[in-house]
Amino acid sequence: MASEALNHHNPEYVTWKHEELNFALLGGIRTEGLHSMRVTLKADFKSFPSIRHSLDLYNETQTDKLIKNMAERFALSTTYIHKAIGNLINTIEDYRLQQIDNSKLKSLSNKPALSKEEIAAAELFLKEPKLLQRTNDSIGTSGVIGEEANRLIMYLIFTSRKLQRPLHIISMGSSGAGKSHLQEKVGELIPKEDKIELTSVSANAFYYFIDDDLGHKVIL
């Protein structure tokens, strides 16, 4: 009897079977961070006591320890267990890649599209004289009061997200000078699907973004 497909009817309790070995992924499968495969695994074989183990399946040392424990607990050969774990890893890899592809397709299908009238109005706005002045006036009309020069500069830099080499901005000033307020108000002019708002972030956190998740986005 060959391995079965993942059963993810309950996303928090995903099951998989390899011949007479039964596996359950407690807490489900993480799709972020393809550089690792951290899981909490429950393994069962016939009437033997279950094995529960939290590990990174891409970590050879941790995986070898799991294989040894399962072989001893279930009275099976390490070669047999190694094959089962290898198939499980391949199955999870395929599932994660498929989920990422599905997420991208869903994101593209949900992205708002401009109507013909909106496109025509935007093109007319761009062709008329004094583009920067009219843009700045529109920013003020939207509710961003004062800071005329800074608000325009910030908006233009945010708009450069559409370019292959976007610009970056750092707001500097004394505490309470309104830096965050200006960034927040100008940021409200950017479509939600084009920006990522972070209150705090470490350098390692960026490893969890996939492919072009950050592409052509404003990070605030």
N, C-alpha and C. Protein backbone atom coordinates (compact mmCIF):
# COMPACT_ATOMS: atom_id res chain seq x y z
N MET A 1 0.85 -1.19 0.00
CA MET A 1 0.00 0.00 0.00
C MET A 1 0.89 1.24 0.00
N ALA A 2 0.67 2.15 -0.96
CA ALA A 2 1.50 3.34 -1.11
C ALA A 2 1.06 4.43 -0.15
N SER A 3 1.84 5.51 -0.15
CA SER A 3 1.50 6.67 0.68
C SER A 3 0.24 7.34 0.16
N GLU A 4 -0.52 7.93 1.06
CA GLU A 4 -1.74 8.63 0.68
C GLU A 4 -1.48 10.13 0.59
N ALA A 5 -2.45 10.85 0.04
CA ALA A 5 -2.36 12.30 -0.03
C ALA A 5 -2.63 12.88 1.36
N LEU A 6 -2.19 14.11 1.57
CA LEU A 6 -2.47 14.80 2.83
C LEU A 6 -3.97 14.98 3.01
N ASN A 7 -4.43 14.74 4.22
CA ASN A 7 -5.82 15.01 4.56
C ASN A 7 -5.84 16.28 5.41
N HIS A 8 -6.20 17.40 4.78
CA HIS A 8 -6.20 18.68 5.51
C HIS A 8 -7.62 19.21 5.69
N HIS A 9 -8.55 18.27 5.90
CA HIS A 9 -9.93 18.68 6.18
C HIS A 9 -9.98 19.58 7.41
N ASN A 10 -9.17 19.24 8.41
CA ASN A 10 -8.96 20.10 9.57
C ASN A 10 -7.57 20.70 9.45
N PRO A 11 -7.46 21.98 9.09
CA PRO A 11 -6.14 22.58 8.85
C PRO A 11 -5.23 22.59 10.07
N GLU A 12 -5.80 22.41 11.26
CA GLU A 12 -4.99 22.37 12.48
C GLU A 12 -4.60 20.94 12.86
N TYR A 13 -5.10 19.96 12.10
CA TYR A 13 -4.78 18.56 12.39
C TYR A 13 -4.72 17.83 11.04
N VAL A 14 -3.61 18.01 10.36
CA VAL A 14 -3.43 17.43 9.03
C VAL A 14 -2.89 16.01 9.18
N THR A 15 -3.50 15.06 8.50
CA THR A 15 -3.07 13.67 8.62
C THR A 15 -2.51 13.15 7.31
N TRP A 16 -1.68 12.11 7.41
CA TRP A 16 -1.04 11.49 6.25
C TRP A 16 -0.68 10.05 6.62
N LYS A 17 -0.75 9.19 5.64
CA LYS A 17 -0.50 7.77 5.93
C LYS A 17 0.50 7.20 4.95
N HIS A 18 1.46 6.46 5.47
CA HIS A 18 2.43 5.71 4.67
C HIS A 18 2.31 4.25 5.08
N GLU A 19 1.66 3.48 4.22
CA GLU A 19 1.38 2.08 4.52
C GLU A 19 0.69 1.98 5.88
N GLU A 20 1.34 1.37 6.89
CA GLU A 20 0.68 1.24 8.19
C GLU A 20 1.10 2.32 9.19
N LEU A 21 1.93 3.25 8.75
CA LEU A 21 2.34 4.36 9.60
C LEU A 21 1.36 5.53 9.43
N ASN A 22 0.88 6.03 10.55
CA ASN A 22 -0.04 7.16 10.52
C ASN A 22 0.62 8.38 11.14
N PHE A 23 0.53 9.50 10.42
CA PHE A 23 1.13 10.75 10.89
C PHE A 23 0.05 11.82 11.03
N ALA A 24 0.24 12.68 12.02
CA ALA A 24 -0.63 13.85 12.18
C ALA A 24 0.26 15.06 12.43
N LEU A 25 -0.01 16.13 11.70
CA LEU A 25 0.73 17.39 11.86
C LEU A 25 -0.10 18.29 12.76
N LEU A 26 0.27 18.35 14.03
CA LEU A 26 -0.49 19.11 15.01
C LEU A 26 -0.22 20.60 14.83
N GLY A 27 -1.28 21.36 14.66
CA GLY A 27 -1.12 22.79 14.41
C GLY A 27 -1.05 23.12 12.93
N GLY A 28 -1.10 22.10 12.08
CA GLY A 28 -1.14 22.33 10.64
C GLY A 28 0.24 22.51 10.01
N ILE A 29 0.24 23.04 8.80
CA ILE A 29 1.45 23.20 8.00
C ILE A 29 1.69 24.68 7.75
N ARG A 30 2.88 25.15 8.09
CA ARG A 30 3.23 26.54 7.83
C ARG A 30 3.69 26.70 6.39
N THR A 31 3.19 27.74 5.73
CA THR A 31 3.60 27.98 4.35
C THR A 31 4.63 29.10 4.25
N GLU A 32 4.86 29.82 5.34
CA GLU A 32 5.86 30.89 5.30
C GLU A 32 7.23 30.33 5.66
N GLY A 33 8.26 30.91 5.06
CA GLY A 33 9.62 30.50 5.38
C GLY A 33 9.97 29.14 4.80
N LEU A 34 10.16 29.06 3.48
CA LEU A 34 10.44 27.78 2.84
C LEU A 34 11.84 27.25 3.16
N HIS A 35 12.64 28.04 3.86
CA HIS A 35 13.98 27.59 4.24
C HIS A 35 13.94 26.60 5.40
N SER A 36 12.78 26.43 6.02
CA SER A 36 12.66 25.48 7.13
C SER A 36 11.31 24.77 7.02
N MET A 37 11.18 23.68 7.77
CA MET A 37 9.91 22.92 7.78
C MET A 37 9.63 22.49 9.22
N ARG A 38 9.29 23.47 10.05
CA ARG A 38 9.02 23.19 11.44
C ARG A 38 7.62 22.60 11.59
N VAL A 39 7.53 21.48 12.27
CA VAL A 39 6.26 20.80 12.48
C VAL A 39 6.21 20.22 13.89
N THR A 40 5.01 19.97 14.34
CA THR A 40 4.82 19.14 15.54
C THR A 40 4.14 17.87 15.05
N LEU A 41 4.87 16.78 15.13
CA LEU A 41 4.47 15.54 14.47
C LEU A 41 4.01 14.50 15.49
N LYS A 42 2.92 13.84 15.16
CA LYS A 42 2.46 12.69 15.94
C LYS A 42 2.50 11.48 15.02
N ALA A 43 3.17 10.42 15.47
CA ALA A 43 3.31 9.21 14.66
C ALA A 43 2.71 8.02 15.39
N ASP A 44 1.95 7.20 14.65
CA ASP A 44 1.32 6.00 15.22
C ASP A 44 1.58 4.80 14.33
N PHE A 45 1.74 3.65 14.97
CA PHE A 45 1.92 2.40 14.24
C PHE A 45 1.25 1.28 15.03
N LYS A 46 0.21 0.74 14.43
CA LYS A 46 -0.56 -0.34 15.06
C LYS A 46 -0.95 0.05 16.49
N SER A 47 -0.67 -0.82 17.46
CA SER A 47 -1.09 -0.55 18.83
C SER A 47 0.04 0.01 19.70
N PHE A 48 1.16 0.34 19.07
CA PHE A 48 2.29 0.90 19.83
C PHE A 48 1.95 2.30 20.33
N PRO A 49 2.56 2.70 21.45
CA PRO A 49 2.33 4.07 21.95
C PRO A 49 2.76 5.11 20.91
N SER A 50 2.02 6.20 20.87
CA SER A 50 2.31 7.27 19.90
C SER A 50 3.63 7.96 20.23
N ILE A 51 4.21 8.56 19.19
CA ILE A 51 5.38 9.43 19.35
C ILE A 51 4.97 10.84 18.95
N ARG A 52 5.28 11.81 19.80
CA ARG A 52 5.03 13.22 19.49
C ARG A 52 6.36 13.95 19.54
N HIS A 53 6.61 14.73 18.47
CA HIS A 53 7.93 15.35 18.37
C HIS A 53 7.83 16.66 17.61
N SER A 54 8.38 17.72 18.17
CA SER A 54 8.47 19.01 17.48
C SER A 54 9.87 19.14 16.89
N LEU A 55 9.95 19.42 15.60
CA LEU A 55 11.27 19.49 14.95
C LEU A 55 11.18 20.22 13.62
N ASP A 56 12.35 20.50 13.08
CA ASP A 56 12.47 21.03 11.74
C ASP A 56 12.86 19.86 10.84
N LEU A 57 11.99 19.47 9.95
CA LEU A 57 12.25 18.30 9.10
C LEU A 57 13.40 18.53 8.12
N TYR A 58 13.83 19.78 7.96
CA TYR A 58 15.00 20.07 7.14
C TYR A 58 16.30 19.98 7.94
N ASN A 59 16.17 19.78 9.25
CA ASN A 59 17.34 19.64 10.10
C ASN A 59 17.69 18.15 10.19
N GLU A 60 18.81 17.78 9.57
CA GLU A 60 19.16 16.36 9.47
C GLU A 60 19.35 15.72 10.84
N THR A 61 19.95 16.46 11.77
CA THR A 61 20.19 15.90 13.11
C THR A 61 18.86 15.60 13.81
N GLN A 62 17.94 16.56 13.75
CA GLN A 62 16.64 16.36 14.39
C GLN A 62 15.85 15.24 13.71
N THR A 63 15.92 15.20 12.38
CA THR A 63 15.18 14.17 11.65
C THR A 63 15.75 12.77 11.92
N ASP A 64 17.08 12.66 11.96
CA ASP A 64 17.70 11.36 12.27
C ASP A 64 17.30 10.88 13.66
N LYS A 65 17.20 11.80 14.61
CA LYS A 65 16.79 11.44 15.97
C LYS A 65 15.35 10.92 15.97
N LEU A 66 14.49 11.58 15.19
CA LEU A 66 13.10 11.13 15.09
C LEU A 66 13.04 9.73 14.48
N ILE A 67 13.79 9.52 13.41
CA ILE A 67 13.79 8.21 12.74
C ILE A 67 14.25 7.11 13.70
N LYS A 68 15.29 7.39 14.46
CA LYS A 68 15.81 6.41 15.42
C LYS A 68 14.77 6.10 16.50
N ASN A 69 14.13 7.15 17.02
CA ASN A 69 13.11 6.95 18.06
C ASN A 69 11.93 6.13 17.54
N MET A 70 11.50 6.44 16.31
CA MET A 70 10.38 5.70 15.73
C MET A 70 10.74 4.24 15.48
N ALA A 71 11.96 4.01 14.98
CA ALA A 71 12.39 2.64 14.71
C ALA A 71 12.42 1.81 16.00
N GLU A 72 12.93 2.42 17.08
CA GLU A 72 12.99 1.71 18.35
C GLU A 72 11.61 1.50 18.94
N ARG A 73 10.75 2.53 18.89
CA ARG A 73 9.42 2.44 19.49
C ARG A 73 8.53 1.44 18.75
N PHE A 74 8.62 1.47 17.41
CA PHE A 74 7.70 0.67 16.60
C PHE A 74 8.31 -0.65 16.12
N ALA A 75 9.57 -0.91 16.50
CA ALA A 75 10.26 -2.15 16.10
C ALA A 75 10.30 -2.29 14.58
N LEU A 76 10.68 -1.19 13.93
CA LEU A 76 10.79 -1.16 12.47
C LEU A 76 12.22 -0.77 12.09
N SER A 77 12.60 -1.04 10.86
CA SER A 77 13.96 -0.70 10.42
C SER A 77 14.06 0.81 10.17
N THR A 78 15.27 1.32 10.41
CA THR A 78 15.49 2.75 10.15
C THR A 78 15.35 3.06 8.66
N THR A 79 15.67 2.10 7.80
CA THR A 79 15.52 2.29 6.35
C THR A 79 14.06 2.52 5.98
N TYR A 80 13.18 1.75 6.58
CA TYR A 80 11.75 1.89 6.32
C TYR A 80 11.23 3.24 6.82
N ILE A 81 11.63 3.62 8.03
CA ILE A 81 11.20 4.89 8.60
C ILE A 81 11.76 6.06 7.79
N HIS A 82 13.01 5.93 7.38
CA HIS A 82 13.66 6.99 6.60
C HIS A 82 12.90 7.23 5.30
N LYS A 83 12.47 6.18 4.66
CA LYS A 83 11.71 6.30 3.41
C LYS A 83 10.38 7.01 3.67
N ALA A 84 9.72 6.62 4.77
CA ALA A 84 8.43 7.23 5.10
C ALA A 84 8.58 8.72 5.38
N ILE A 85 9.59 9.10 6.17
CA ILE A 85 9.80 10.52 6.50
C ILE A 85 10.18 11.30 5.24
N GLY A 86 10.99 10.68 4.37
CA GLY A 86 11.36 11.33 3.11
C GLY A 86 10.14 11.61 2.25
N ASN A 87 9.24 10.64 2.18
CA ASN A 87 8.00 10.84 1.41
C ASN A 87 7.12 11.91 2.04
N LEU A 88 7.11 11.94 3.37
CA LEU A 88 6.33 12.96 4.07
C LEU A 88 6.87 14.35 3.75
N ILE A 89 8.19 14.51 3.79
CA ILE A 89 8.80 15.81 3.49
C ILE A 89 8.45 16.24 2.06
N ASN A 90 8.57 15.32 1.11
CA ASN A 90 8.23 15.65 -0.28
C ASN A 90 6.77 16.05 -0.42
N THR A 91 5.90 15.36 0.31
CA THR A 91 4.47 15.65 0.25
C THR A 91 4.17 17.03 0.81
N ILE A 92 4.80 17.36 1.94
CA ILE A 92 4.60 18.68 2.55
C ILE A 92 5.15 19.77 1.64
N GLU A 93 6.31 19.53 1.02
CA GLU A 93 6.90 20.51 0.09
C GLU A 93 5.92 20.82 -1.05
N ASP A 94 5.38 19.77 -1.65
CA ASP A 94 4.44 19.96 -2.76
C ASP A 94 3.21 20.74 -2.30
N TYR A 95 2.72 20.40 -1.11
CA TYR A 95 1.54 21.09 -0.58
C TYR A 95 1.83 22.57 -0.34
N ARG A 96 2.98 22.87 0.25
CA ARG A 96 3.30 24.27 0.55
C ARG A 96 3.44 25.09 -0.73
N LEU A 97 4.11 24.53 -1.73
CA LEU A 97 4.27 25.25 -2.99
C LEU A 97 2.93 25.49 -3.66
N GLN A 98 2.04 24.49 -3.58
CA GLN A 98 0.71 24.64 -4.17
C GLN A 98 -0.09 25.71 -3.45
N GLN A 99 0.02 25.73 -2.12
CA GLN A 99 -0.70 26.74 -1.34
C GLN A 99 -0.20 28.14 -1.66
N ILE A 100 1.10 28.28 -1.86
CA ILE A 100 1.67 29.59 -2.20
C ILE A 100 1.17 30.04 -3.56
N ASP A 101 1.14 29.12 -4.53
CA ASP A 101 0.63 29.45 -5.86
C ASP A 101 -0.84 29.85 -5.79
N ASN A 102 -1.62 29.11 -5.01
CA ASN A 102 -3.05 29.43 -4.87
C ASN A 102 -3.24 30.80 -4.23
N SER A 103 -2.40 31.11 -3.23
CA SER A 103 -2.50 32.39 -2.55
C SER A 103 -2.19 33.54 -3.51
N LYS A 104 -1.20 33.33 -4.38
CA LYS A 104 -0.84 34.37 -5.35
C LYS A 104 -1.98 34.59 -6.34
N LEU A 105 -2.56 33.50 -6.82
CA LEU A 105 -3.67 33.61 -7.77
C LEU A 105 -4.86 34.31 -7.13
N LYS A 106 -5.13 33.98 -5.87
CA LYS A 106 -6.23 34.62 -5.16
C LYS A 106 -5.97 36.10 -4.97
N SER A 107 -4.71 36.44 -4.66
CA SER A 107 -4.35 37.84 -4.47
C SER A 107 -4.52 38.63 -5.76
N LEU A 108 -4.11 38.02 -6.88
CA LEU A 108 -4.24 38.69 -8.17
C LEU A 108 -5.70 38.88 -8.55
N SER A 109 -6.52 37.86 -8.28
CA SER A 109 -7.93 37.93 -8.65
C SER A 109 -8.69 38.93 -7.78
N ASN A 110 -8.20 39.15 -6.54
CA ASN A 110 -8.88 40.07 -5.63
C ASN A 110 -8.39 41.51 -5.76
N LYS A 111 -7.33 41.71 -6.55
CA LYS A 111 -6.77 43.05 -6.68
C LYS A 111 -7.75 43.94 -7.43
N PRO A 112 -8.13 45.08 -6.85
CA PRO A 112 -9.11 45.97 -7.50
C PRO A 112 -8.58 46.47 -8.85
N ALA A 113 -9.46 46.56 -9.82
CA ALA A 113 -9.10 47.06 -11.15
C ALA A 113 -9.80 48.39 -11.40
N LEU A 114 -9.10 49.31 -12.03
CA LEU A 114 -9.69 50.61 -12.36
C LEU A 114 -10.67 50.47 -13.51
N SER A 115 -11.76 51.23 -13.43
CA SER A 115 -12.71 51.25 -14.53
C SER A 115 -12.16 52.08 -15.68
N LYS A 116 -12.76 51.99 -16.84
CA LYS A 116 -12.32 52.78 -17.99
C LYS A 116 -12.44 54.27 -17.69
N GLU A 117 -13.48 54.64 -16.96
CA GLU A 117 -13.69 56.05 -16.62
C GLU A 117 -12.59 56.54 -15.69
N GLU A 118 -12.20 55.70 -14.72
CA GLU A 118 -11.14 56.08 -13.78
C GLU A 118 -9.80 56.21 -14.49
N ILE A 119 -9.53 55.29 -15.42
CA ILE A 119 -8.28 55.35 -16.18
C ILE A 119 -8.24 56.61 -17.03
N ALA A 120 -9.36 56.95 -17.68
CA ALA A 120 -9.43 58.15 -18.52
C ALA A 120 -9.22 59.41 -17.68
N ALA A 121 -9.82 59.45 -16.48
CA ALA A 121 -9.67 60.61 -15.60
C ALA A 121 -8.23 60.75 -15.13
N ALA A 122 -7.57 59.63 -14.82
CA ALA A 122 -6.17 59.66 -14.37
C ALA A 122 -5.26 60.14 -15.49
N GLU A 123 -5.50 59.66 -16.71
CA GLU A 123 -4.67 60.08 -17.84
C GLU A 123 -4.84 61.56 -18.13
N LEU A 124 -6.06 62.05 -17.99
CA LEU A 124 -6.31 63.48 -18.21
C LEU A 124 -5.59 64.31 -17.15
N PHE A 125 -5.63 63.84 -15.91
CA PHE A 125 -4.96 64.54 -14.80
C PHE A 125 -3.46 64.64 -15.07
N LEU A 126 -2.88 63.57 -15.59
CA LEU A 126 -1.44 63.54 -15.83
C LEU A 126 -1.02 64.43 -17.00
N LYS A 127 -1.92 64.66 -17.95
CA LYS A 127 -1.57 65.42 -19.16
C LYS A 127 -1.72 66.93 -18.97
N GLU A 128 -2.48 67.34 -17.98
CA GLU A 128 -2.72 68.78 -17.80
C GLU A 128 -1.48 69.45 -17.19
N PRO A 129 -1.32 70.78 -17.40
CA PRO A 129 -0.15 71.51 -16.89
C PRO A 129 -0.08 71.53 -15.37
N LYS A 130 1.13 71.87 -14.87
CA LYS A 130 1.38 72.02 -13.44
C LYS A 130 0.98 70.77 -12.65
N LEU A 131 1.50 69.63 -13.10
CA LEU A 131 1.15 68.35 -12.49
C LEU A 131 1.50 68.29 -11.01
N LEU A 132 2.71 68.71 -10.67
CA LEU A 132 3.14 68.63 -9.27
C LEU A 132 2.31 69.53 -8.37
N GLN A 133 2.00 70.74 -8.85
CA GLN A 133 1.20 71.66 -8.04
C GLN A 133 -0.20 71.10 -7.83
N ARG A 134 -0.79 70.57 -8.90
CA ARG A 134 -2.14 70.01 -8.77
C ARG A 134 -2.13 68.76 -7.89
N THR A 135 -1.06 67.98 -7.99
CA THR A 135 -0.94 66.79 -7.13
C THR A 135 -0.87 67.21 -5.67
N ASN A 136 -0.07 68.23 -5.39
CA ASN A 136 0.07 68.71 -4.02
C ASN A 136 -1.24 69.28 -3.50
N ASP A 137 -1.96 70.00 -4.37
CA ASP A 137 -3.26 70.54 -3.98
C ASP A 137 -4.23 69.40 -3.65
N SER A 138 -4.18 68.33 -4.43
CA SER A 138 -5.07 67.18 -4.19
C SER A 138 -4.73 66.49 -2.88
N ILE A 139 -3.44 66.44 -2.57
CA ILE A 139 -3.02 65.85 -1.29
C ILE A 139 -3.59 66.66 -0.14
N GLY A 140 -3.54 67.99 -0.27
CA GLY A 140 -4.11 68.85 0.76
C GLY A 140 -5.61 68.69 0.87
N THR A 141 -6.29 68.59 -0.29
CA THR A 141 -7.74 68.40 -0.29
C THR A 141 -8.14 67.10 0.39
N SER A 142 -7.26 66.08 0.31
CA SER A 142 -7.58 64.78 0.90
C SER A 142 -7.54 64.80 2.42
N GLY A 143 -6.94 65.88 2.98
CA GLY A 143 -6.91 65.98 4.44
C GLY A 143 -5.53 66.07 5.04
N VAL A 144 -4.49 66.06 4.20
CA VAL A 144 -3.13 66.21 4.71
C VAL A 144 -2.83 67.71 4.78
N ILE A 145 -2.97 68.29 5.93
CA ILE A 145 -2.87 69.73 6.11
C ILE A 145 -1.43 70.14 6.43
N GLY A 146 -0.97 71.23 5.79
CA GLY A 146 0.37 71.75 6.07
C GLY A 146 1.46 70.87 5.49
N GLU A 147 2.72 71.21 5.84
CA GLU A 147 3.87 70.44 5.36
C GLU A 147 3.82 70.25 3.85
N GLU A 148 3.52 71.33 3.11
CA GLU A 148 3.29 71.22 1.68
C GLU A 148 4.45 70.55 0.95
N ALA A 149 5.68 71.00 1.22
CA ALA A 149 6.84 70.43 0.50
C ALA A 149 7.07 68.98 0.92
N ASN A 150 7.04 68.71 2.23
CA ASN A 150 7.34 67.36 2.72
C ASN A 150 6.28 66.34 2.30
N ARG A 151 5.03 66.77 2.31
CA ARG A 151 3.96 65.83 1.95
C ARG A 151 4.07 65.45 0.47
N LEU A 152 4.44 66.39 -0.39
CA LEU A 152 4.59 66.09 -1.81
C LEU A 152 5.78 65.17 -2.05
N ILE A 153 6.89 65.48 -1.40
CA ILE A 153 8.08 64.64 -1.54
C ILE A 153 7.77 63.21 -1.10
N MET A 154 7.11 63.09 0.07
CA MET A 154 6.80 61.77 0.60
C MET A 154 5.86 61.01 -0.34
N TYR A 155 4.87 61.70 -0.88
CA TYR A 155 3.92 61.04 -1.78
C TYR A 155 4.63 60.57 -3.06
N LEU A 156 5.49 61.38 -3.61
CA LEU A 156 6.21 61.01 -4.83
C LEU A 156 7.13 59.81 -4.58
N ILE A 157 7.75 59.79 -3.40
CA ILE A 157 8.61 58.65 -3.07
C ILE A 157 7.78 57.39 -2.89
N PHE A 158 6.63 57.50 -2.24
CA PHE A 158 5.74 56.35 -2.10
C PHE A 158 5.28 55.86 -3.47
N THR A 159 5.04 56.79 -4.39
CA THR A 159 4.58 56.43 -5.74
C THR A 159 5.68 55.73 -6.54
N SER A 160 6.93 55.98 -6.18
CA SER A 160 8.05 55.34 -6.90
C SER A 160 8.09 53.83 -6.67
N ARG A 161 7.21 53.31 -5.83
CA ARG A 161 7.13 51.86 -5.62
C ARG A 161 6.87 51.13 -6.93
N LYS A 162 6.29 51.80 -7.91
CA LYS A 162 5.97 51.19 -9.19
C LYS A 162 7.20 51.02 -10.08
N LEU A 163 8.31 51.66 -9.72
CA LEU A 163 9.51 51.61 -10.53
C LEU A 163 10.37 50.39 -10.19
N GLN A 164 11.27 50.04 -11.09
CA GLN A 164 12.18 48.92 -10.84
C GLN A 164 13.18 49.26 -9.73
N ARG A 165 13.51 50.55 -9.60
CA ARG A 165 14.42 51.00 -8.54
C ARG A 165 13.73 52.10 -7.75
N PRO A 166 12.86 51.73 -6.82
CA PRO A 166 12.10 52.73 -6.05
C PRO A 166 12.98 53.55 -5.13
N LEU A 167 12.48 54.72 -4.77
CA LEU A 167 13.18 55.60 -3.83
C LEU A 167 12.81 55.23 -2.40
N HIS A 168 13.60 55.71 -1.46
CA HIS A 168 13.37 55.44 -0.04
C HIS A 168 13.40 56.77 0.71
N ILE A 169 12.75 56.80 1.85
CA ILE A 169 12.70 58.03 2.62
C ILE A 169 12.86 57.74 4.11
N ILE A 170 13.59 58.61 4.79
CA ILE A 170 13.71 58.56 6.25
C ILE A 170 13.25 59.91 6.78
N SER A 171 12.28 59.91 7.66
CA SER A 171 11.78 61.15 8.26
C SER A 171 12.58 61.44 9.53
N MET A 172 13.23 62.59 9.56
CA MET A 172 14.06 62.96 10.69
C MET A 172 13.54 64.25 11.32
N GLY A 173 13.60 64.31 12.63
CA GLY A 173 13.13 65.50 13.32
C GLY A 173 13.05 65.22 14.81
N SER A 174 12.81 66.25 15.57
CA SER A 174 12.70 66.10 17.02
C SER A 174 11.44 65.34 17.39
N SER A 175 11.43 64.79 18.59
CA SER A 175 10.26 64.06 19.08
C SER A 175 9.05 64.98 19.13
N GLY A 176 7.92 64.47 18.63
CA GLY A 176 6.69 65.25 18.65
C GLY A 176 6.57 66.25 17.52
N ALA A 177 7.47 66.14 16.52
CA ALA A 177 7.45 67.09 15.40
C ALA A 177 6.43 66.71 14.33
N GLY A 178 5.80 65.56 14.47
CA GLY A 178 4.75 65.17 13.53
C GLY A 178 5.20 64.27 12.41
N LYS A 179 6.37 63.64 12.56
CA LYS A 179 6.89 62.78 11.50
C LYS A 179 5.95 61.60 11.25
N SER A 180 5.57 60.92 12.31
CA SER A 180 4.70 59.75 12.18
C SER A 180 3.33 60.14 11.64
N HIS A 181 2.83 61.30 12.07
CA HIS A 181 1.52 61.75 11.61
C HIS A 181 1.53 61.99 10.11
N LEU A 182 2.58 62.65 9.62
CA LEU A 182 2.67 62.92 8.18
C LEU A 182 2.77 61.63 7.40
N GLN A 183 3.59 60.71 7.87
CA GLN A 183 3.73 59.42 7.20
C GLN A 183 2.41 58.66 7.18
N GLU A 184 1.70 58.71 8.30
CA GLU A 184 0.42 58.01 8.40
C GLU A 184 -0.60 58.60 7.43
N LYS A 185 -0.68 59.93 7.38
CA LYS A 185 -1.68 60.58 6.54
C LYS A 185 -1.38 60.39 5.05
N VAL A 186 -0.11 60.53 4.67
CA VAL A 186 0.25 60.32 3.26
C VAL A 186 0.09 58.83 2.91
N GLY A 187 0.40 57.96 3.87
CA GLY A 187 0.24 56.52 3.64
C GLY A 187 -1.19 56.13 3.37
N GLU A 188 -2.14 56.91 3.90
CA GLU A 188 -3.56 56.63 3.66
C GLU A 188 -3.95 56.84 2.20
N LEU A 189 -3.11 57.55 1.47
CA LEU A 189 -3.39 57.80 0.05
C LEU A 189 -2.95 56.64 -0.84
N ILE A 190 -2.23 55.69 -0.26
CA ILE A 190 -1.74 54.53 -1.01
C ILE A 190 -2.74 53.38 -0.86
N PRO A 191 -3.10 52.70 -1.96
CA PRO A 191 -4.03 51.56 -1.87
C PRO A 191 -3.55 50.50 -0.89
N LYS A 192 -4.48 49.89 -0.17
CA LYS A 192 -4.14 48.90 0.85
C LYS A 192 -3.31 47.75 0.29
N GLU A 193 -3.62 47.33 -0.94
CA GLU A 193 -2.91 46.19 -1.51
C GLU A 193 -1.48 46.55 -1.92
N ASP A 194 -1.13 47.83 -1.86
CA ASP A 194 0.20 48.28 -2.27
C ASP A 194 1.08 48.68 -1.09
N LYS A 195 0.64 48.40 0.13
CA LYS A 195 1.47 48.80 1.27
C LYS A 195 1.45 47.74 2.37
N ILE A 196 2.53 47.72 3.13
CA ILE A 196 2.68 46.82 4.27
C ILE A 196 3.04 47.68 5.47
N GLU A 197 2.22 47.64 6.50
CA GLU A 197 2.45 48.47 7.69
C GLU A 197 3.01 47.61 8.81
N LEU A 198 4.15 48.01 9.34
CA LEU A 198 4.84 47.27 10.40
C LEU A 198 5.08 48.20 11.58
N THR A 199 4.74 47.75 12.77
CA THR A 199 5.01 48.57 13.97
C THR A 199 6.44 48.35 14.45
N SER A 200 6.92 47.11 14.37
CA SER A 200 8.30 46.80 14.71
C SER A 200 8.67 45.52 13.95
N VAL A 201 9.94 45.42 13.59
CA VAL A 201 10.35 44.26 12.80
C VAL A 201 11.85 44.03 12.99
N SER A 202 12.23 42.75 13.01
CA SER A 202 13.65 42.40 13.08
C SER A 202 14.14 42.04 11.69
N ALA A 203 15.44 42.02 11.52
CA ALA A 203 16.01 41.69 10.21
C ALA A 203 15.62 40.28 9.78
N ASN A 204 15.54 39.36 10.74
CA ASN A 204 15.19 37.98 10.41
C ASN A 204 13.77 37.83 9.90
N ALA A 205 12.90 38.76 10.27
CA ALA A 205 11.50 38.65 9.87
C ALA A 205 11.33 38.69 8.36
N PHE A 206 12.26 39.34 7.66
CA PHE A 206 12.13 39.46 6.22
C PHE A 206 12.37 38.13 5.50
N TYR A 207 12.96 37.16 6.20
CA TYR A 207 13.13 35.84 5.60
C TYR A 207 11.80 35.12 5.41
N TYR A 208 10.77 35.57 6.10
CA TYR A 208 9.48 34.89 6.03
C TYR A 208 8.62 35.41 4.89
N PHE A 209 9.09 36.48 4.21
CA PHE A 209 8.38 36.93 3.03
C PHE A 209 8.81 36.07 1.85
N ILE A 210 7.88 35.80 0.94
CA ILE A 210 8.13 34.86 -0.14
C ILE A 210 8.18 35.59 -1.48
N ASP A 211 9.16 35.22 -2.29
CA ASP A 211 9.29 35.73 -3.65
C ASP A 211 9.14 37.25 -3.70
N ASP A 212 8.07 37.70 -4.38
CA ASP A 212 7.89 39.15 -4.59
C ASP A 212 6.85 39.75 -3.65
N ASP A 213 6.74 39.19 -2.43
CA ASP A 213 5.78 39.73 -1.47
C ASP A 213 6.03 41.21 -1.21
N LEU A 214 7.30 41.63 -1.28
CA LEU A 214 7.66 43.01 -0.99
C LEU A 214 7.80 43.84 -2.27
N GLY A 215 7.63 43.20 -3.42
CA GLY A 215 7.83 43.89 -4.68
C GLY A 215 6.79 44.97 -4.92
N HIS A 216 7.24 46.18 -5.27
CA HIS A 216 6.36 47.30 -5.59
C HIS A 216 5.38 47.60 -4.45
N LYS A 217 5.87 47.46 -3.23
CA LYS A 217 5.08 47.77 -2.05
C LYS A 217 5.72 48.92 -1.27
N VAL A 218 4.88 49.69 -0.59
CA VAL A 218 5.36 50.69 0.35
C VAL A 218 5.39 50.03 1.73
N ILE A 219 6.54 50.03 2.37
CA ILE A 219 6.66 49.47 3.71
C ILE A 219 6.71 50.62 4.70
N LEU A 220 5.72 50.68 5.57
CA LEU A 220 5.61 51.78 6.53
C LEU A 220 5.90 51.26 7.94
